[in-house]
């Protein structure tokens, strides 16, 4: 029983948490790709920047002696989402829109996004340094232990919040894309931008909404990830590859595919490094004499876990470039 709980804590909960982060990031990337037709490599740094914004605001409130029943960073998340959405729109106005107006090709926008990535990393290190920071300023992280009769199932406060916020975000995004006029306009622009422009759909308004949604979801993913681990300047840059793998696996331009791809990549990555010999230990007395369970049955060493999304990314590009939900192929 303890071995099964260990698997739930490490494999199931771990996959669910990192899958939620990948899914939120991948939705933003796929929306930008679907509407603006380029891969936004600075998306990971937008996530990191949002976490630093949350920490800065929480530090200001904490210095004023303000305390709340929940962590300040978590309470400030709606404000951080709005600020990150404005930050994303500002990035578009400053760097990408001028290129679009000049008729720049998608590859030029991709190169510009790499430049924005390097610029954001430099600015974050310039103002925040290179060290790690704890997002909990007023109280330690709450840990929930669900009793099972033996080893408990363990969840931390940010993990519970991340799961709940991901579910709420997916439902809200679904309702927005299917029920609102702007959401339907975004889908129309994603399917055929020229036809959408001819029919009178305000393209710039759609573009602004795309950046706002992508920025808001990046704020949730970045802030929750920083609360669960620690805030570092390269917090989200290191998960950029899995986020793009999730985007392509789900199908480029397909928000629902990005969600599915995020969880598939998250669970694949987590289970690939899980030591399955733990699950076989209760059966070792049933094994023939002289046969021992290997010390490790992990498919990939932990330090090489990024190989898993990279392998899936290459396999999808070769054998099913449209992804699960039949997205675009460029």
Protein backbone atom coordinates (compact mmCIF):
# COMPACT_ATOMS: atom_id res chain seq x y z
CA UNK A 1 0.00 0.00 0.00
CA UNK A 2 2.81 2.42 0.88
CA UNK A 3 4.42 1.72 -2.49
CA UNK A 4 1.17 2.61 -4.28
CA UNK A 5 0.86 5.86 -2.30
CA UNK A 6 4.49 6.63 -3.15
CA UNK A 7 3.59 6.18 -6.82
CA UNK A 8 0.55 8.47 -6.42
CA UNK A 9 2.65 11.16 -4.71
CA UNK A 10 5.54 11.04 -7.16
CA UNK A 11 3.97 9.84 -10.40
CA UNK A 12 0.33 10.92 -10.42
CA UNK A 13 0.51 14.16 -8.42
CA UNK A 14 3.85 15.09 -9.97
CA UNK A 15 2.52 14.54 -13.49
CA UNK A 16 -0.66 16.44 -12.71
CA UNK A 17 1.23 19.47 -11.38
CA UNK A 18 3.84 19.80 -14.11
CA UNK A 19 1.19 18.90 -16.71
CA UNK A 20 -0.97 21.81 -15.49
CA UNK A 21 1.97 24.21 -15.87
CA UNK A 22 2.72 22.91 -19.36
CA UNK A 23 -0.97 23.09 -20.35
CA UNK A 24 -1.37 26.72 -19.23
CA UNK A 25 1.82 27.71 -21.01
CA UNK A 26 0.96 25.74 -24.15
CA UNK A 27 -2.48 27.35 -24.48
CA UNK A 28 -0.85 30.79 -24.62
CA UNK A 29 1.75 29.63 -27.14
CA UNK A 30 -0.81 27.93 -29.38
CA UNK A 31 -3.18 30.93 -29.30
CA UNK A 32 -0.36 33.27 -30.34
CA UNK A 33 0.74 30.78 -32.99
CA UNK A 34 -2.80 30.37 -34.28
CA UNK A 35 -3.56 34.09 -34.53
CA UNK A 36 -0.16 35.63 -35.31
CA UNK A 37 1.51 32.68 -37.07
CA UNK A 38 4.80 32.63 -35.17
CA UNK A 39 6.37 30.73 -32.27
CA UNK A 40 6.70 33.05 -29.29
CA UNK A 41 9.91 31.91 -27.59
CA UNK A 42 9.65 34.66 -24.97
CA UNK A 43 6.56 33.05 -23.44
CA UNK A 44 8.59 31.28 -20.77
CA UNK A 45 10.20 34.53 -19.70
CA UNK A 46 6.78 36.17 -19.50
CA UNK A 47 5.92 33.46 -16.95
CA UNK A 48 9.09 34.23 -14.99
CA UNK A 49 8.46 37.98 -15.16
CA UNK A 50 4.92 37.50 -13.81
CA UNK A 51 6.28 35.59 -10.81
CA UNK A 52 8.73 38.41 -10.07
CA UNK A 53 5.88 40.95 -10.36
CA UNK A 54 3.87 38.89 -7.86
CA UNK A 55 6.82 38.69 -5.46
CA UNK A 56 7.51 42.43 -5.73
CA UNK A 57 3.87 43.35 -4.99
CA UNK A 58 3.73 40.88 -2.09
CA UNK A 59 6.96 42.30 -0.66
CA UNK A 60 5.48 45.81 -0.76
CA UNK A 61 2.33 44.70 1.08
CA UNK A 62 4.37 42.69 3.57
CA UNK A 63 6.59 45.71 4.32
CA UNK A 64 3.41 47.67 5.10
CA UNK A 65 2.46 45.06 7.69
CA UNK A 66 -0.43 43.66 5.65
CA UNK A 67 -1.17 39.97 6.23
CA UNK A 68 -3.98 37.81 4.91
CA UNK A 69 -5.34 34.32 5.70
CA UNK A 70 -3.88 33.13 2.39
CA UNK A 71 -0.38 33.83 1.01
CA UNK A 72 -0.02 37.38 -0.29
CA UNK A 73 1.27 36.15 -3.64
CA UNK A 74 -1.82 33.99 -4.12
CA UNK A 75 -4.17 36.82 -3.09
CA UNK A 76 -2.46 39.14 -5.57
CA UNK A 77 -2.75 36.70 -8.47
CA UNK A 78 -5.70 38.51 -10.21
CA UNK A 79 -3.71 41.76 -10.13
CA UNK A 80 -0.64 39.95 -11.45
CA UNK A 81 -2.71 38.41 -14.27
CA UNK A 82 -3.90 41.87 -15.34
CA UNK A 83 -0.38 43.34 -15.14
CA UNK A 84 1.09 40.43 -17.10
CA UNK A 85 -1.64 40.75 -19.73
CA UNK A 86 -0.76 44.45 -20.10
CA UNK A 87 2.93 43.52 -20.19
CA UNK A 88 2.26 41.02 -23.01
CA UNK A 89 0.27 43.61 -24.97
CA UNK A 90 3.13 46.07 -24.40
CA UNK A 91 5.65 43.58 -25.79
CA UNK A 92 3.50 43.19 -28.89
CA UNK A 93 3.15 46.96 -29.34
CA UNK A 94 6.88 47.56 -28.88
CA UNK A 95 8.42 44.69 -30.86
CA UNK A 96 6.03 42.55 -32.90
CA UNK A 97 3.36 44.93 -34.25
CA UNK A 98 5.91 47.20 -36.00
CA UNK A 99 7.28 44.12 -37.75
CA UNK A 100 3.80 42.96 -38.75
CA UNK A 101 3.01 46.40 -40.21
CA UNK A 102 6.13 46.14 -42.34
CA UNK A 103 4.96 42.77 -43.63
CA UNK A 104 7.69 40.78 -41.88
CA UNK A 105 7.63 37.02 -42.45
CA UNK A 106 6.96 34.64 -39.54
CA UNK A 107 10.63 33.65 -39.35
CA UNK A 108 11.51 37.30 -38.67
CA UNK A 109 8.97 37.40 -35.83
CA UNK A 110 10.45 34.19 -34.42
CA UNK A 111 13.92 35.74 -34.44
CA UNK A 112 12.48 38.85 -32.79
CA UNK A 113 10.92 36.69 -30.05
CA UNK A 114 14.33 35.11 -29.39
CA UNK A 115 15.74 38.61 -29.05
CA UNK A 116 12.94 39.53 -26.62
CA UNK A 117 13.75 36.35 -24.66
CA UNK A 118 17.38 37.36 -24.24
CA UNK A 119 16.37 40.92 -23.37
CA UNK A 120 13.90 39.78 -20.67
CA UNK A 121 16.42 37.38 -19.17
CA UNK A 122 18.98 40.15 -18.97
CA UNK A 123 16.53 42.59 -17.41
CA UNK A 124 15.33 40.04 -14.83
CA UNK A 125 18.91 39.28 -13.79
CA UNK A 126 19.78 42.98 -13.76
CA UNK A 127 16.98 43.96 -11.39
CA UNK A 128 16.44 40.73 -9.40
CA UNK A 129 19.88 39.13 -9.36
CA UNK A 130 20.68 35.49 -10.05
CA UNK A 131 19.74 33.88 -6.74
CA UNK A 132 16.66 31.88 -5.75
CA UNK A 133 13.80 33.38 -3.77
CA UNK A 134 11.00 31.98 -1.64
CA UNK A 135 7.54 33.25 -2.63
CA UNK A 136 6.22 32.77 0.93
CA UNK A 137 7.01 35.99 2.79
CA UNK A 138 4.55 35.88 5.68
CA UNK A 139 4.12 32.20 6.55
CA UNK A 140 5.57 28.82 5.56
CA UNK A 141 3.99 26.76 2.83
CA UNK A 142 0.98 24.76 3.97
CA UNK A 143 1.22 21.02 3.36
CA UNK A 144 -1.90 18.85 3.24
CA UNK A 145 -1.62 15.18 4.20
CA UNK A 146 -4.55 12.98 3.18
CA UNK A 147 -4.61 9.92 5.47
CA UNK A 148 -4.78 6.52 3.79
CA UNK A 149 -4.03 4.22 6.72
CA UNK A 150 -0.29 4.24 6.00
CA UNK A 151 1.84 6.72 4.09
CA UNK A 152 -0.34 9.83 3.43
CA UNK A 153 -1.03 11.42 0.06
CA UNK A 154 0.80 14.75 0.20
CA UNK A 155 -0.24 17.93 -1.58
CA UNK A 156 1.09 21.43 -0.99
CA UNK A 157 -0.97 24.61 -0.97
CA UNK A 158 0.25 25.90 -4.37
CA UNK A 159 -0.34 22.48 -5.93
CA UNK A 160 -3.98 22.48 -4.84
CA UNK A 161 -4.36 26.08 -6.02
CA UNK A 162 -2.70 25.27 -9.37
CA UNK A 163 -5.04 22.34 -10.05
CA UNK A 164 -8.12 24.40 -9.13
CA UNK A 165 -6.99 27.42 -11.18
CA UNK A 166 -6.19 25.23 -14.19
CA UNK A 167 -9.69 23.71 -14.14
CA UNK A 168 -11.26 27.17 -13.81
CA UNK A 169 -9.07 28.55 -16.61
CA UNK A 170 -9.95 25.71 -18.99
CA UNK A 171 -13.68 26.12 -18.33
CA UNK A 172 -13.48 29.91 -18.69
CA UNK A 173 -11.46 29.61 -21.91
CA UNK A 174 -13.95 27.12 -23.35
CA UNK A 175 -16.89 29.42 -22.55
CA UNK A 176 -15.03 32.43 -23.96
CA UNK A 177 -14.11 30.72 -27.23
CA UNK A 178 -17.54 29.18 -27.80
CA UNK A 179 -20.01 31.69 -26.33
CA UNK A 180 -18.52 35.19 -26.68
CA UNK A 181 -18.38 37.20 -29.91
CA UNK A 182 -14.70 38.00 -29.40
CA UNK A 183 -13.89 34.32 -28.80
CA UNK A 184 -15.66 33.33 -32.02
CA UNK A 185 -13.79 36.12 -33.82
CA UNK A 186 -10.50 34.68 -32.52
CA UNK A 187 -11.41 31.27 -33.91
CA UNK A 188 -12.34 32.83 -37.25
CA UNK A 189 -9.04 34.71 -37.47
CA UNK A 190 -7.17 31.54 -36.54
CA UNK A 191 -8.93 29.58 -39.30
CA UNK A 192 -8.66 32.17 -42.08
CA UNK A 193 -7.30 35.66 -41.25
CA UNK A 194 -7.89 37.07 -44.74
CA UNK A 195 -11.53 36.01 -44.80
CA UNK A 196 -12.00 37.27 -41.24
CA UNK A 197 -10.59 40.67 -42.21
CA UNK A 198 -12.89 40.91 -45.23
CA UNK A 199 -15.95 40.12 -43.08
CA UNK A 200 -15.15 43.06 -40.80
CA UNK A 201 -13.68 41.28 -37.79
CA UNK A 202 -11.44 43.76 -35.88
CA UNK A 203 -8.08 42.04 -36.21
CA UNK A 204 -6.21 44.34 -33.81
CA UNK A 205 -8.80 43.71 -31.11
CA UNK A 206 -8.42 39.97 -31.63
CA UNK A 207 -4.64 40.29 -31.43
CA UNK A 208 -4.90 42.28 -28.21
CA UNK A 209 -7.23 39.67 -26.68
CA UNK A 210 -4.82 36.91 -27.68
CA UNK A 211 -1.92 38.55 -25.87
CA UNK A 212 -4.12 39.31 -22.86
CA UNK A 213 -5.27 35.68 -22.53
CA UNK A 214 -1.76 34.34 -23.11
CA UNK A 215 -0.34 36.75 -20.53
CA UNK A 216 -3.00 35.94 -17.95
CA UNK A 217 -2.46 32.19 -18.27
CA UNK A 218 1.32 32.71 -18.17
CA UNK A 219 0.88 34.62 -14.91
CA UNK A 220 -1.01 31.70 -13.33
CA UNK A 221 1.52 29.13 -14.51
CA UNK A 222 4.60 31.16 -13.59
CA UNK A 223 3.39 32.30 -10.17
CA UNK A 224 2.09 28.87 -9.13
CA UNK A 225 5.28 27.16 -10.33
CA UNK A 226 7.41 29.64 -8.38
CA UNK A 227 5.28 29.06 -5.26
CA UNK A 228 5.63 25.29 -5.59
CA UNK A 229 9.41 25.32 -6.05
CA UNK A 230 11.45 28.52 -5.85
CA UNK A 231 11.64 31.65 -7.94
CA UNK A 232 14.73 31.81 -10.13
CA UNK A 233 15.57 33.95 -13.18
CA UNK A 234 15.51 30.84 -15.40
CA UNK A 235 12.35 29.44 -13.78
CA UNK A 236 10.28 29.03 -16.94
CA UNK A 237 13.02 29.18 -19.57
CA UNK A 238 13.95 25.60 -18.66
CA UNK A 239 10.41 24.36 -19.36
CA UNK A 240 10.05 26.15 -22.68
CA UNK A 241 10.89 22.99 -24.65
CA UNK A 242 8.20 20.86 -22.92
CA UNK A 243 5.66 23.67 -23.47
CA UNK A 244 6.43 23.75 -27.20
CA UNK A 245 6.36 19.95 -27.30
CA UNK A 246 2.89 20.07 -25.70
CA UNK A 247 1.76 22.68 -28.24
CA UNK A 248 2.89 20.61 -31.21
CA UNK A 249 1.66 17.32 -29.72
CA UNK A 250 -1.82 18.78 -29.24
CA UNK A 251 -1.85 20.43 -32.66
CA UNK A 252 -0.63 23.94 -33.45
CA UNK A 253 -3.43 26.48 -33.09
CA UNK A 254 -5.66 24.10 -31.10
CA UNK A 255 -6.25 25.33 -27.49
CA UNK A 256 -7.89 22.08 -26.40
CA UNK A 257 -5.04 20.15 -27.98
CA UNK A 258 -2.56 22.27 -26.01
CA UNK A 259 -4.28 21.28 -22.77
CA UNK A 260 -4.22 17.59 -23.68
CA UNK A 261 -0.65 17.87 -24.90
CA UNK A 262 0.43 19.58 -21.69
CA UNK A 263 -0.85 16.77 -19.52
CA UNK A 264 0.48 14.05 -21.84
CA UNK A 265 3.96 15.59 -21.81
CA UNK A 266 3.77 16.15 -18.04
CA UNK A 267 2.81 12.57 -17.26
CA UNK A 268 5.22 11.12 -19.83
CA UNK A 269 8.10 13.12 -18.36
CA UNK A 270 7.20 12.26 -14.76
CA UNK A 271 6.59 8.54 -15.33
CA UNK A 272 9.74 8.20 -17.46
CA UNK A 273 11.92 9.13 -14.46
CA UNK A 274 9.84 7.22 -11.88
CA UNK A 275 11.55 4.19 -10.38
CA UNK A 276 9.00 1.42 -11.05
CA UNK A 277 10.98 -1.08 -8.97
CA UNK A 278 9.22 0.48 -5.96
CA UNK A 279 5.91 -0.98 -7.17
CA UNK A 280 7.44 -4.45 -7.50
CA UNK A 281 8.85 -4.64 -3.97
CA UNK A 282 5.65 -6.13 -2.40
CA UNK A 283 6.01 -9.07 -4.85
CA UNK A 284 9.68 -9.84 -4.26
CA UNK A 285 8.84 -12.88 -2.06
CA UNK A 286 6.96 -14.39 -5.00
CA UNK A 287 9.93 -14.18 -7.35
CA UNK A 288 12.03 -17.29 -8.16
CA UNK A 289 15.16 -17.89 -6.10
CA UNK A 290 18.13 -15.91 -7.35
CA UNK A 291 15.97 -13.33 -9.13
CA UNK A 292 16.16 -9.87 -7.62
CA UNK A 293 14.32 -6.72 -8.47
CA UNK A 294 16.72 -4.16 -10.01
CA UNK A 295 17.51 -1.17 -7.83
CA UNK A 296 16.17 1.17 -10.52
CA UNK A 297 13.60 0.60 -13.24
CA UNK A 298 13.34 4.22 -14.36
CA UNK A 299 13.27 4.60 -18.13
CA UNK A 300 15.32 7.82 -18.01
CA UNK A 301 17.66 9.18 -15.29
CA UNK A 302 16.22 12.23 -13.56
CA UNK A 303 18.91 14.55 -14.87
CA UNK A 304 17.91 13.66 -18.45
CA UNK A 305 14.15 14.13 -18.03
CA UNK A 306 14.08 16.87 -20.70
CA UNK A 307 14.99 14.18 -23.23
CA UNK A 308 11.42 12.85 -22.96
CA UNK A 309 9.55 15.91 -24.34
CA UNK A 310 12.30 16.40 -26.92
CA UNK A 311 11.87 12.80 -28.10
CA UNK A 312 8.07 13.18 -28.24
CA UNK A 313 8.46 16.49 -30.11
CA UNK A 314 10.68 14.92 -32.78
CA UNK A 315 8.45 11.82 -33.08
CA UNK A 316 5.31 13.95 -33.53
CA UNK A 317 6.97 16.18 -36.13
CA UNK A 318 8.03 13.11 -38.12
CA UNK A 319 5.01 10.81 -37.84
CA UNK A 320 2.04 13.14 -37.07
CA UNK A 321 2.95 16.78 -37.67
CA UNK A 322 -0.69 17.85 -37.28
CA UNK A 323 -0.69 16.65 -33.66
CA UNK A 324 -3.55 14.93 -31.82
CA UNK A 325 -6.17 17.58 -32.64
CA UNK A 326 -5.04 18.06 -36.25
CA UNK A 327 -3.52 21.51 -36.02
CA UNK A 328 -1.67 23.39 -38.69
CA UNK A 329 1.51 22.30 -40.40
CA UNK A 330 3.89 25.06 -41.48
